[in-house]
């Protein structure tokens, strides 16, 4: 009979939240394994430059930050395996994870699979990702001081981020595909107060992001659907806000509760609806989508996992040792 592979904690994902959690758990000799199906470091690793992470006054590249977290976690003993988790279930007091390496068991689990920004799928979007095309105004807006920007989207996030970007940009063109804004009335009212800096283009699609020979974004091409005419807007950068897609497909059909957009619902201790399974970072409902907050949640989750494991060990029932009969004469 094949012996089960059992770990104290298995972390699904290896972004800033999981790597930080692993630093904490492994320093306390908690057996920790991380599964990552993509890039170690998550979205942080593919972010061109991080200017708002505490402790780096001159900023740091996303790749360097991710590598530093990776090396620190491995230094304390974390094991990072490239592979995918397909499902999770409770069995015999353990969590059974179906993975690309077969079934693996854990006393506790941290889900930190993050979210991906929804893409619009037009030419130039992938080519200029992180080099003129962005999905986080807080992260990258300051790079566009005194520049022209295009913001794509018509919901709350697009309007909020467009207003935020007025702190830096000289002008913003907001491209809205539909004939109505999906943002709340309050935000739409606030948007009108920035009419001097934000021009709203309703019924306008985003068809192509155009760059020059130097690899810099220079314009966005679209279509005015009211008359089917081509629109070209000059831009130094493009910010796309058409929603987030949490990486939680593998949790469909499990006992782990998700919110209306598929993000994981947790309590104040970051524990999910499945006891012993925790969530942290951008995959968690209510997350702020910042690297600094993801690392903070990772540290909190690690402390909650330690507490859970301590309580779990206290309640382990040890079978009584049979009494040895006195056979002396």
Protein backbone atom coordinates (compact mmCIF):
# COMPACT_ATOMS: atom_id res chain seq x y z
CA UNK A 1 0.00 0.00 0.00
CA UNK A 2 1.39 3.41 -1.00
CA UNK A 3 2.04 5.68 1.97
CA UNK A 4 0.08 8.95 1.96
CA UNK A 5 1.99 12.20 1.48
CA UNK A 6 0.91 14.39 4.41
CA UNK A 7 2.09 17.93 5.22
CA UNK A 8 1.31 20.37 8.01
CA UNK A 9 0.25 22.99 5.48
CA UNK A 10 -0.05 23.08 1.72
CA UNK A 11 -0.24 26.51 0.13
CA UNK A 12 -1.89 26.84 -3.26
CA UNK A 13 -0.15 29.61 -5.17
CA UNK A 14 3.27 31.18 -4.68
CA UNK A 15 2.64 34.90 -4.88
CA UNK A 16 3.48 37.49 -2.22
CA UNK A 17 0.77 36.29 0.20
CA UNK A 18 1.80 32.61 0.12
CA UNK A 19 5.54 33.30 0.10
CA UNK A 20 5.19 35.58 3.14
CA UNK A 21 3.06 33.00 4.93
CA UNK A 22 5.67 30.36 4.14
CA UNK A 23 8.42 32.51 5.67
CA UNK A 24 6.43 32.57 8.92
CA UNK A 25 5.39 28.93 9.00
CA UNK A 26 8.76 27.45 8.08
CA UNK A 27 10.57 29.56 10.68
CA UNK A 28 8.42 27.78 13.24
CA UNK A 29 9.24 24.35 11.81
CA UNK A 30 5.81 23.89 10.26
CA UNK A 31 6.20 21.53 7.29
CA UNK A 32 5.22 23.73 4.33
CA UNK A 33 4.76 22.97 0.63
CA UNK A 34 3.64 25.46 -2.01
CA UNK A 35 2.09 24.58 -5.37
CA UNK A 36 2.42 27.11 -8.18
CA UNK A 37 1.10 26.45 -11.69
CA UNK A 38 2.39 29.67 -13.22
CA UNK A 39 5.05 32.19 -12.26
CA UNK A 40 6.54 32.19 -8.77
CA UNK A 41 5.72 35.62 -7.41
CA UNK A 42 2.35 35.90 -9.16
CA UNK A 43 1.33 39.21 -10.71
CA UNK A 44 4.06 40.94 -8.71
CA UNK A 45 6.73 39.06 -10.67
CA UNK A 46 5.44 40.41 -13.98
CA UNK A 47 4.97 43.98 -12.75
CA UNK A 48 7.58 46.20 -14.35
CA UNK A 49 8.27 48.40 -11.34
CA UNK A 50 6.89 48.56 -7.78
CA UNK A 51 7.18 52.05 -6.33
CA UNK A 52 4.91 51.78 -3.27
CA UNK A 53 6.23 48.74 -1.38
CA UNK A 54 7.50 49.75 2.08
CA UNK A 55 11.25 49.66 2.63
CA UNK A 56 12.35 50.40 -0.93
CA UNK A 57 12.61 54.21 -1.17
CA UNK A 58 13.86 54.06 -4.76
CA UNK A 59 11.38 51.38 -5.80
CA UNK A 60 12.10 47.82 -6.88
CA UNK A 61 11.32 45.75 -9.94
CA UNK A 62 8.49 43.31 -9.46
CA UNK A 63 10.74 40.45 -10.50
CA UNK A 64 13.40 41.34 -7.91
CA UNK A 65 10.79 41.62 -5.17
CA UNK A 66 9.31 38.25 -6.09
CA UNK A 67 12.73 36.60 -6.23
CA UNK A 68 13.61 38.02 -2.82
CA UNK A 69 10.44 36.59 -1.26
CA UNK A 70 11.10 33.26 -2.98
CA UNK A 71 14.68 33.01 -1.73
CA UNK A 72 13.71 33.99 1.79
CA UNK A 73 10.95 31.37 1.99
CA UNK A 74 13.24 28.64 0.64
CA UNK A 75 16.01 29.66 3.03
CA UNK A 76 13.77 28.73 5.95
CA UNK A 77 12.77 25.43 4.38
CA UNK A 78 9.70 26.05 2.24
CA UNK A 79 9.35 23.62 -0.65
CA UNK A 80 7.96 25.12 -3.86
CA UNK A 81 6.64 22.69 -6.43
CA UNK A 82 5.55 23.61 -9.94
CA UNK A 83 2.19 21.97 -10.40
CA UNK A 84 -1.55 22.50 -10.33
CA UNK A 85 -4.23 21.79 -7.74
CA UNK A 86 -7.52 20.64 -9.24
CA UNK A 87 -9.68 20.25 -6.14
CA UNK A 88 -9.85 20.04 -2.37
CA UNK A 89 -11.98 17.96 -0.03
CA UNK A 90 -12.08 16.85 3.60
CA UNK A 91 -11.27 13.25 4.40
CA UNK A 92 -10.46 11.55 7.69
CA UNK A 93 -9.60 14.81 9.41
CA UNK A 94 -7.23 15.90 6.64
CA UNK A 95 -7.56 17.99 3.50
CA UNK A 96 -7.18 15.94 0.34
CA UNK A 97 -5.78 17.90 -2.59
CA UNK A 98 -6.01 16.50 -6.10
CA UNK A 99 -2.88 17.74 -7.85
CA UNK A 100 -0.84 17.21 -10.99
CA UNK A 101 1.47 15.16 -8.74
CA UNK A 102 -1.36 12.95 -7.50
CA UNK A 103 -3.32 13.12 -4.27
CA UNK A 104 -1.63 15.01 -1.43
CA UNK A 105 -2.91 15.42 2.11
CA UNK A 106 -2.54 18.35 4.49
CA UNK A 107 -3.54 19.20 8.04
CA UNK A 108 -4.24 22.76 6.86
CA UNK A 109 -4.34 24.67 3.59
CA UNK A 110 -3.75 28.26 2.50
CA UNK A 111 -5.35 29.31 -0.78
CA UNK A 112 -3.45 32.26 -2.26
CA UNK A 113 -4.05 31.82 -5.97
CA UNK A 114 -4.68 35.51 -6.59
CA UNK A 115 -6.74 37.09 -9.33
CA UNK A 116 -6.03 38.00 -12.91
CA UNK A 117 -7.10 41.29 -14.42
CA UNK A 118 -9.61 40.71 -17.16
CA UNK A 119 -8.10 41.43 -20.53
CA UNK A 120 -9.79 43.04 -23.50
CA UNK A 121 -7.86 40.85 -25.95
CA UNK A 122 -6.87 43.44 -28.53
CA UNK A 123 -3.63 43.78 -30.49
CA UNK A 124 -0.94 45.52 -28.47
CA UNK A 125 -2.38 44.65 -25.05
CA UNK A 126 -0.04 41.76 -24.37
CA UNK A 127 2.91 43.27 -26.23
CA UNK A 128 2.90 46.42 -24.07
CA UNK A 129 1.87 44.83 -20.78
CA UNK A 130 3.78 46.58 -17.99
CA UNK A 131 5.36 48.91 -20.56
CA UNK A 132 2.43 51.17 -21.32
CA UNK A 133 -0.54 48.90 -20.59
CA UNK A 134 -1.54 48.61 -16.94
CA UNK A 135 -4.30 47.30 -14.70
CA UNK A 136 -3.56 49.12 -11.43
CA UNK A 137 -3.64 52.91 -11.16
CA UNK A 138 -2.35 52.93 -7.58
CA UNK A 139 0.64 50.84 -8.64
CA UNK A 140 1.58 52.57 -11.88
CA UNK A 141 -0.22 55.90 -12.14
CA UNK A 142 2.69 57.96 -10.82
CA UNK A 143 4.78 56.95 -13.82
CA UNK A 144 2.50 59.10 -16.00
CA UNK A 145 2.91 62.50 -14.43
CA UNK A 146 2.13 65.19 -17.02
CA UNK A 147 1.21 62.55 -19.63
CA UNK A 148 -1.94 61.68 -21.58
CA UNK A 149 -3.76 58.46 -20.67
CA UNK A 150 -6.58 56.28 -21.92
CA UNK A 151 -8.75 54.42 -19.41
CA UNK A 152 -10.88 51.54 -20.70
CA UNK A 153 -14.09 50.64 -18.87
CA UNK A 154 -17.36 52.08 -17.62
CA UNK A 155 -17.86 50.51 -14.21
CA UNK A 156 -17.02 51.64 -10.70
CA UNK A 157 -13.36 50.64 -10.91
CA UNK A 158 -12.79 52.43 -14.21
CA UNK A 159 -14.33 55.67 -12.96
CA UNK A 160 -12.60 55.52 -9.58
CA UNK A 161 -9.22 54.87 -11.16
CA UNK A 162 -9.71 57.51 -13.86
CA UNK A 163 -10.42 60.08 -11.13
CA UNK A 164 -7.36 58.90 -9.20
CA UNK A 165 -5.19 59.25 -12.31
CA UNK A 166 -6.09 62.94 -12.61
CA UNK A 167 -3.50 63.46 -9.87
CA UNK A 168 -0.81 62.70 -12.42
CA UNK A 169 -2.03 62.89 -16.01
CA UNK A 170 -2.66 66.09 -17.93
CA UNK A 171 -5.66 64.51 -19.67
CA UNK A 172 -7.56 61.22 -19.62
CA UNK A 173 -9.81 59.76 -22.31
CA UNK A 174 -12.30 57.29 -20.84
CA UNK A 175 -13.48 54.77 -23.44
CA UNK A 176 -16.84 53.19 -22.58
CA UNK A 177 -18.08 50.41 -24.84
CA UNK A 178 -21.77 50.76 -23.98
CA UNK A 179 -24.26 53.59 -24.21
CA UNK A 180 -24.58 53.82 -20.43
CA UNK A 181 -22.10 54.01 -17.58
CA UNK A 182 -22.23 51.04 -15.20
CA UNK A 183 -20.66 53.06 -12.40
CA UNK A 184 -22.79 54.19 -9.45
CA UNK A 185 -24.65 57.49 -9.60
CA UNK A 186 -22.37 58.96 -6.95
CA UNK A 187 -19.26 58.14 -8.96
CA UNK A 188 -20.81 59.45 -12.16
CA UNK A 189 -21.55 62.71 -10.39
CA UNK A 190 -17.96 62.90 -9.17
CA UNK A 191 -16.73 62.10 -12.69
CA UNK A 192 -18.51 65.21 -14.03
CA UNK A 193 -16.56 67.32 -11.55
CA UNK A 194 -13.39 66.30 -13.40
CA UNK A 195 -14.65 67.19 -16.88
CA UNK A 196 -11.69 69.52 -17.33
CA UNK A 197 -9.34 66.54 -17.28
CA UNK A 198 -11.49 63.54 -18.26
CA UNK A 199 -13.23 63.21 -21.61
CA UNK A 200 -15.79 60.40 -21.73
CA UNK A 201 -16.30 58.58 -25.05
CA UNK A 202 -19.52 56.54 -24.92
CA UNK A 203 -20.28 53.76 -27.43
CA UNK A 204 -16.56 53.50 -28.19
CA UNK A 205 -14.75 50.21 -28.49
CA UNK A 206 -11.05 49.65 -27.90
CA UNK A 207 -9.70 47.84 -30.96
CA UNK A 208 -5.92 48.25 -30.85
CA UNK A 209 -3.16 49.68 -28.66
CA UNK A 210 -0.56 51.26 -30.91
CA UNK A 211 3.15 51.61 -30.14
CA UNK A 212 6.14 53.18 -31.85
CA UNK A 213 9.50 51.77 -32.92
CA UNK A 214 10.90 52.46 -29.45
CA UNK A 215 8.33 50.14 -27.89
CA UNK A 216 6.27 52.89 -26.29
CA UNK A 217 2.50 53.29 -26.43
CA UNK A 218 1.46 56.28 -28.54
CA UNK A 219 -2.26 55.82 -29.27
CA UNK A 220 -5.40 53.74 -28.97
CA UNK A 221 -7.57 52.90 -31.95
CA UNK A 222 -11.27 52.25 -31.50
CA UNK A 223 -14.64 52.43 -33.19
CA UNK A 224 -17.46 54.90 -32.53
CA UNK A 225 -20.42 52.53 -32.67
CA UNK A 226 -22.93 55.30 -33.28
CA UNK A 227 -21.64 55.87 -36.81
CA UNK A 228 -19.14 53.02 -37.20
CA UNK A 229 -16.27 55.45 -37.67
CA UNK A 230 -12.68 54.87 -36.59
CA UNK A 231 -11.42 56.73 -33.53
CA UNK A 232 -7.78 57.27 -32.67
CA UNK A 233 -6.80 58.78 -29.33
CA UNK A 234 -3.24 59.87 -28.52
CA UNK A 235 -1.94 58.27 -25.31
CA UNK A 236 1.29 57.67 -23.41
CA UNK A 237 -0.30 54.83 -21.46
CA UNK A 238 -3.45 52.72 -21.20
CA UNK A 239 -5.18 51.55 -18.04
CA UNK A 240 -7.70 48.74 -18.44
CA UNK A 241 -10.42 48.30 -15.78
CA UNK A 242 -12.97 45.79 -17.00
CA UNK A 243 -13.02 43.62 -13.89
CA UNK A 244 -11.07 40.91 -12.10
CA UNK A 245 -11.16 37.19 -12.63
CA UNK A 246 -10.29 35.32 -9.40
CA UNK A 247 -8.37 32.07 -9.81
CA UNK A 248 -10.97 29.93 -8.08
CA UNK A 249 -12.29 27.66 -10.82
CA UNK A 250 -10.78 24.66 -9.04
CA UNK A 251 -13.03 25.37 -6.02
CA UNK A 252 -16.29 25.01 -7.92
CA UNK A 253 -18.36 22.23 -6.36
CA UNK A 254 -16.44 22.27 -3.06
CA UNK A 255 -17.66 23.33 0.38
CA UNK A 256 -15.62 26.55 0.19
CA UNK A 257 -17.91 29.54 -0.07
CA UNK A 258 -17.34 32.08 -2.86
CA UNK A 259 -18.89 35.52 -3.30
CA UNK A 260 -20.89 36.70 -6.32
CA UNK A 261 -17.78 37.22 -8.47
CA UNK A 262 -16.06 34.02 -7.40
CA UNK A 263 -13.71 35.34 -4.70
CA UNK A 264 -13.23 33.39 -1.47
CA UNK A 265 -15.25 34.45 1.56
CA UNK A 266 -13.35 34.32 4.86
CA UNK A 267 -13.97 35.25 8.48
CA UNK A 268 -11.89 37.70 10.53
CA UNK A 269 -9.21 35.00 10.95
CA UNK A 270 -8.96 34.51 7.16
CA UNK A 271 -10.50 31.04 7.54
CA UNK A 272 -12.87 29.86 4.83
CA UNK A 273 -16.12 27.95 5.26
CA UNK A 274 -14.05 24.75 5.29
CA UNK A 275 -12.34 24.50 8.71
CA UNK A 276 -8.56 24.46 8.42
CA UNK A 277 -8.57 26.07 4.99
CA UNK A 278 -7.51 29.71 4.89
CA UNK A 279 -7.30 32.32 2.12
CA UNK A 280 -5.14 35.41 1.70
CA UNK A 281 -4.23 37.98 -0.93
CA UNK A 282 -6.01 38.97 -4.12
CA UNK A 283 -8.20 35.85 -4.22
CA UNK A 284 -9.95 36.78 -0.96
CA UNK A 285 -13.26 38.65 -1.01
CA UNK A 286 -12.60 42.20 0.17
CA UNK A 287 -8.91 42.22 -0.77
CA UNK A 288 -7.38 45.59 -1.62
CA UNK A 289 -5.29 44.23 -4.51
CA UNK A 290 -2.01 45.64 -3.22
CA UNK A 291 1.26 43.74 -2.77
CA UNK A 292 1.82 45.22 0.70
CA UNK A 293 -1.60 44.13 1.93
CA UNK A 294 -1.15 40.67 0.38
CA UNK A 295 2.07 40.14 2.34
CA UNK A 296 0.33 41.37 5.47
CA UNK A 297 -2.51 38.92 4.97
CA UNK A 298 0.01 36.16 4.36
CA UNK A 299 1.64 36.83 7.72
CA UNK A 300 -1.76 36.90 9.44
CA UNK A 301 -2.83 33.68 7.76
CA UNK A 302 0.37 31.96 8.89
CA UNK A 303 -0.31 32.91 12.51
CA UNK A 304 -3.90 31.68 12.22
CA UNK A 305 -2.68 28.41 10.68
CA UNK A 306 -0.23 27.91 13.54
CA UNK A 307 -3.05 28.45 16.05
CA UNK A 308 -5.30 26.05 14.14
CA UNK A 309 -2.61 23.35 14.09
CA UNK A 310 -1.91 23.79 17.80
CA UNK A 311 -5.60 23.36 18.62
CA UNK A 312 -5.88 20.44 16.25
CA UNK A 313 -2.99 18.64 17.93
CA UNK A 314 -4.55 19.19 21.36
CA UNK A 315 -7.67 17.37 20.26
CA UNK A 316 -5.94 14.38 18.74
CA UNK A 317 -7.22 11.31 20.53
CA UNK A 318 -4.43 8.90 21.30
CA UNK A 319 -5.59 5.30 21.69
CA UNK A 320 -4.95 4.05 25.23
CA UNK A 321 -2.01 1.75 25.70
CA UNK A 322 -3.27 -1.70 26.75
CA UNK A 323 -2.37 -2.58 30.31
CA UNK A 324 0.32 -5.18 30.66
CA UNK A 325 -0.85 -8.10 32.77
CA UNK A 326 1.18 -8.90 35.88
CA UNK A 327 2.45 -12.41 35.24
CA UNK A 328 4.97 -12.46 38.03
CA UNK A 329 4.76 -15.35 40.48
